[in-house]
């Protein structure tokens, strides 16, 4: 019989990340320690848009519309 292999891919949403984690990533990107792409690689975040949205929502320098 064939055994179905389990997928290692886990779909994550922004709600899976604690607020403190989001703020620390935004702080690193704002300070220039990491680029958005660098943050994706360092923390294993799947989408560029995820970090971009965090920067828009939680950045001290971003203008709110």
N, C-alpha and C. Protein backbone atom coordinates (compact mmCIF):
# COMPACT_ATOMS: atom_id res chain seq x y z
N UNK A 1 0.83 -1.18 0.00
CA UNK A 1 0.00 0.00 0.00
C UNK A 1 0.87 1.25 0.00
N UNK A 2 0.37 2.25 -0.64
CA UNK A 2 1.08 3.52 -0.68
C UNK A 2 0.76 4.34 0.56
N UNK A 3 1.80 4.96 1.10
CA UNK A 3 1.57 5.88 2.20
C UNK A 3 1.63 7.29 1.65
N UNK A 4 0.67 8.08 2.04
CA UNK A 4 0.67 9.47 1.59
C UNK A 4 1.70 10.24 2.41
N UNK A 5 2.59 10.92 1.70
CA UNK A 5 3.59 11.70 2.43
C UNK A 5 2.98 13.02 2.88
N UNK A 6 3.35 13.43 4.05
CA UNK A 6 2.84 14.69 4.59
C UNK A 6 3.61 15.84 3.98
N UNK A 7 2.90 16.87 3.66
CA UNK A 7 3.52 18.06 3.10
C UNK A 7 4.17 18.86 4.22
N UNK A 8 5.38 19.33 3.96
CA UNK A 8 6.07 20.15 4.94
C UNK A 8 5.66 21.61 4.84
N UNK A 9 4.96 21.96 3.77
CA UNK A 9 4.52 23.34 3.55
C UNK A 9 3.35 23.64 4.48
N UNK A 10 3.47 24.71 5.23
CA UNK A 10 2.39 25.15 6.10
C UNK A 10 2.00 26.56 5.70
N UNK A 11 0.76 26.72 5.27
CA UNK A 11 0.30 28.04 4.88
C UNK A 11 0.08 28.86 6.14
N UNK A 12 0.69 30.05 6.16
CA UNK A 12 0.58 30.91 7.33
C UNK A 12 -0.14 32.19 6.94
N UNK A 13 -0.77 32.79 7.91
CA UNK A 13 -1.40 34.08 7.70
C UNK A 13 -0.75 35.08 8.63
N UNK A 14 -1.06 36.34 8.43
CA UNK A 14 -0.46 37.38 9.26
C UNK A 14 -0.87 37.21 10.72
N UNK A 15 -1.99 36.61 10.97
CA UNK A 15 -2.43 36.40 12.34
C UNK A 15 -1.56 35.41 13.08
N UNK A 16 -0.79 34.62 12.35
CA UNK A 16 0.08 33.63 12.99
C UNK A 16 1.28 34.28 13.66
N UNK A 17 1.59 35.50 13.32
CA UNK A 17 2.76 36.17 13.86
C UNK A 17 2.35 37.07 15.01
N UNK A 18 3.02 36.96 16.16
CA UNK A 18 2.67 37.85 17.27
C UNK A 18 3.04 39.30 16.95
N UNK A 19 2.33 40.21 17.58
CA UNK A 19 2.54 41.63 17.34
C UNK A 19 3.98 42.04 17.64
N UNK A 20 4.57 41.49 18.70
CA UNK A 20 5.94 41.84 19.05
C UNK A 20 6.91 41.44 17.95
N UNK A 21 6.65 40.31 17.29
CA UNK A 21 7.49 39.86 16.18
C UNK A 21 7.37 40.82 15.00
N UNK A 22 6.12 41.20 14.67
CA UNK A 22 5.90 42.12 13.56
C UNK A 22 6.63 43.44 13.80
N UNK A 23 6.51 43.97 15.01
CA UNK A 23 7.14 45.24 15.33
C UNK A 23 8.66 45.15 15.28
N UNK A 24 9.22 44.02 15.70
CA UNK A 24 10.68 43.89 15.65
C UNK A 24 11.18 43.80 14.21
N UNK A 25 10.42 43.13 13.34
CA UNK A 25 10.80 43.05 11.93
C UNK A 25 10.72 44.44 11.30
N UNK A 26 9.65 45.18 11.58
CA UNK A 26 9.50 46.54 11.04
C UNK A 26 10.64 47.42 11.54
N UNK A 27 11.00 47.30 12.80
CA UNK A 27 12.08 48.11 13.37
C UNK A 27 13.39 47.82 12.66
N UNK A 28 13.67 46.55 12.38
CA UNK A 28 14.91 46.19 11.68
C UNK A 28 14.92 46.73 10.25
N UNK A 29 13.78 46.68 9.58
CA UNK A 29 13.70 47.18 8.21
C UNK A 29 13.84 48.71 8.20
N UNK A 30 13.16 49.38 9.13
CA UNK A 30 13.23 50.85 9.21
C UNK A 30 14.64 51.34 9.49
N UNK A 31 15.35 50.63 10.36
CA UNK A 31 16.68 51.08 10.76
C UNK A 31 17.73 50.79 9.69
N UNK A 32 17.37 49.98 8.71
CA UNK A 32 18.30 49.66 7.64
C UNK A 32 19.16 48.44 7.92
N UNK A 33 18.89 47.77 9.04
CA UNK A 33 19.63 46.54 9.35
C UNK A 33 19.33 45.45 8.33
N UNK A 34 18.07 45.41 7.89
CA UNK A 34 17.63 44.41 6.92
C UNK A 34 16.80 45.08 5.83
N UNK A 35 16.86 44.51 4.65
CA UNK A 35 15.90 44.90 3.62
C UNK A 35 14.68 44.00 3.82
N UNK A 36 13.63 44.27 3.09
CA UNK A 36 12.45 43.41 3.20
C UNK A 36 12.80 41.99 2.76
N UNK A 37 13.57 41.88 1.69
CA UNK A 37 14.00 40.56 1.21
C UNK A 37 14.87 39.87 2.25
N UNK A 38 15.73 40.62 2.91
CA UNK A 38 16.57 40.05 3.97
C UNK A 38 15.75 39.55 5.13
N UNK A 39 14.68 40.27 5.47
CA UNK A 39 13.79 39.84 6.55
C UNK A 39 13.06 38.55 6.17
N UNK A 40 12.66 38.45 4.90
CA UNK A 40 12.01 37.22 4.44
C UNK A 40 12.91 36.02 4.63
N UNK A 41 14.16 36.17 4.24
CA UNK A 41 15.12 35.07 4.36
C UNK A 41 15.46 34.75 5.81
N UNK A 42 15.71 35.79 6.60
CA UNK A 42 16.13 35.60 7.98
C UNK A 42 15.05 34.92 8.82
N UNK A 43 13.80 35.34 8.63
CA UNK A 43 12.73 34.86 9.49
C UNK A 43 11.81 33.83 8.84
N UNK A 44 12.05 33.51 7.56
CA UNK A 44 11.24 32.50 6.89
C UNK A 44 9.82 32.95 6.59
N UNK A 45 9.65 34.25 6.38
CA UNK A 45 8.34 34.78 6.02
C UNK A 45 8.15 34.54 4.53
N UNK A 46 6.96 34.10 4.15
CA UNK A 46 6.77 33.64 2.79
C UNK A 46 6.53 34.75 1.77
N UNK A 47 5.94 35.85 2.19
CA UNK A 47 5.52 36.84 1.21
C UNK A 47 6.13 38.21 1.45
N UNK A 48 6.60 38.83 0.39
CA UNK A 48 7.11 40.19 0.43
C UNK A 48 6.01 41.14 0.88
N UNK A 49 4.79 40.89 0.42
CA UNK A 49 3.64 41.72 0.76
C UNK A 49 3.32 41.72 2.24
N UNK A 50 3.59 40.62 2.91
CA UNK A 50 3.34 40.53 4.35
C UNK A 50 4.17 41.56 5.09
N UNK A 51 5.47 41.59 4.82
CA UNK A 51 6.36 42.53 5.50
C UNK A 51 6.05 43.95 5.04
N UNK A 52 5.73 44.13 3.78
CA UNK A 52 5.38 45.45 3.27
C UNK A 52 4.13 45.99 3.98
N UNK A 53 3.14 45.15 4.18
CA UNK A 53 1.94 45.57 4.91
C UNK A 53 2.27 45.92 6.36
N UNK A 54 3.14 45.15 6.99
CA UNK A 54 3.54 45.47 8.36
C UNK A 54 4.21 46.83 8.41
N UNK A 55 5.06 47.09 7.43
CA UNK A 55 5.75 48.39 7.39
C UNK A 55 4.75 49.52 7.19
N UNK A 56 3.77 49.31 6.36
CA UNK A 56 2.75 50.34 6.14
C UNK A 56 1.92 50.57 7.40
N UNK A 57 1.58 49.51 8.09
CA UNK A 57 0.69 49.62 9.25
C UNK A 57 1.39 50.05 10.52
N UNK A 58 2.65 49.64 10.71
CA UNK A 58 3.31 49.83 11.99
C UNK A 58 4.52 50.74 11.95
N UNK A 59 4.83 51.29 10.78
CA UNK A 59 6.01 52.12 10.64
C UNK A 59 5.78 53.50 11.23
N UNK A 60 6.80 54.03 11.88
CA UNK A 60 6.73 55.39 12.42
C UNK A 60 6.86 56.42 11.31
N UNK A 61 7.45 56.03 10.19
CA UNK A 61 7.75 56.97 9.12
C UNK A 61 6.72 56.96 8.00
N UNK A 62 5.84 56.01 8.01
CA UNK A 62 4.86 55.90 6.94
C UNK A 62 3.67 56.81 7.23
N UNK A 63 3.24 57.53 6.22
CA UNK A 63 2.08 58.41 6.37
C UNK A 63 0.81 57.58 6.24
N UNK A 64 -0.09 57.77 7.16
CA UNK A 64 -1.39 57.07 7.11
C UNK A 64 -2.32 57.82 6.15
N UNK A 65 -3.04 57.07 5.35
CA UNK A 65 -3.98 57.70 4.41
C UNK A 65 -5.38 57.57 4.91
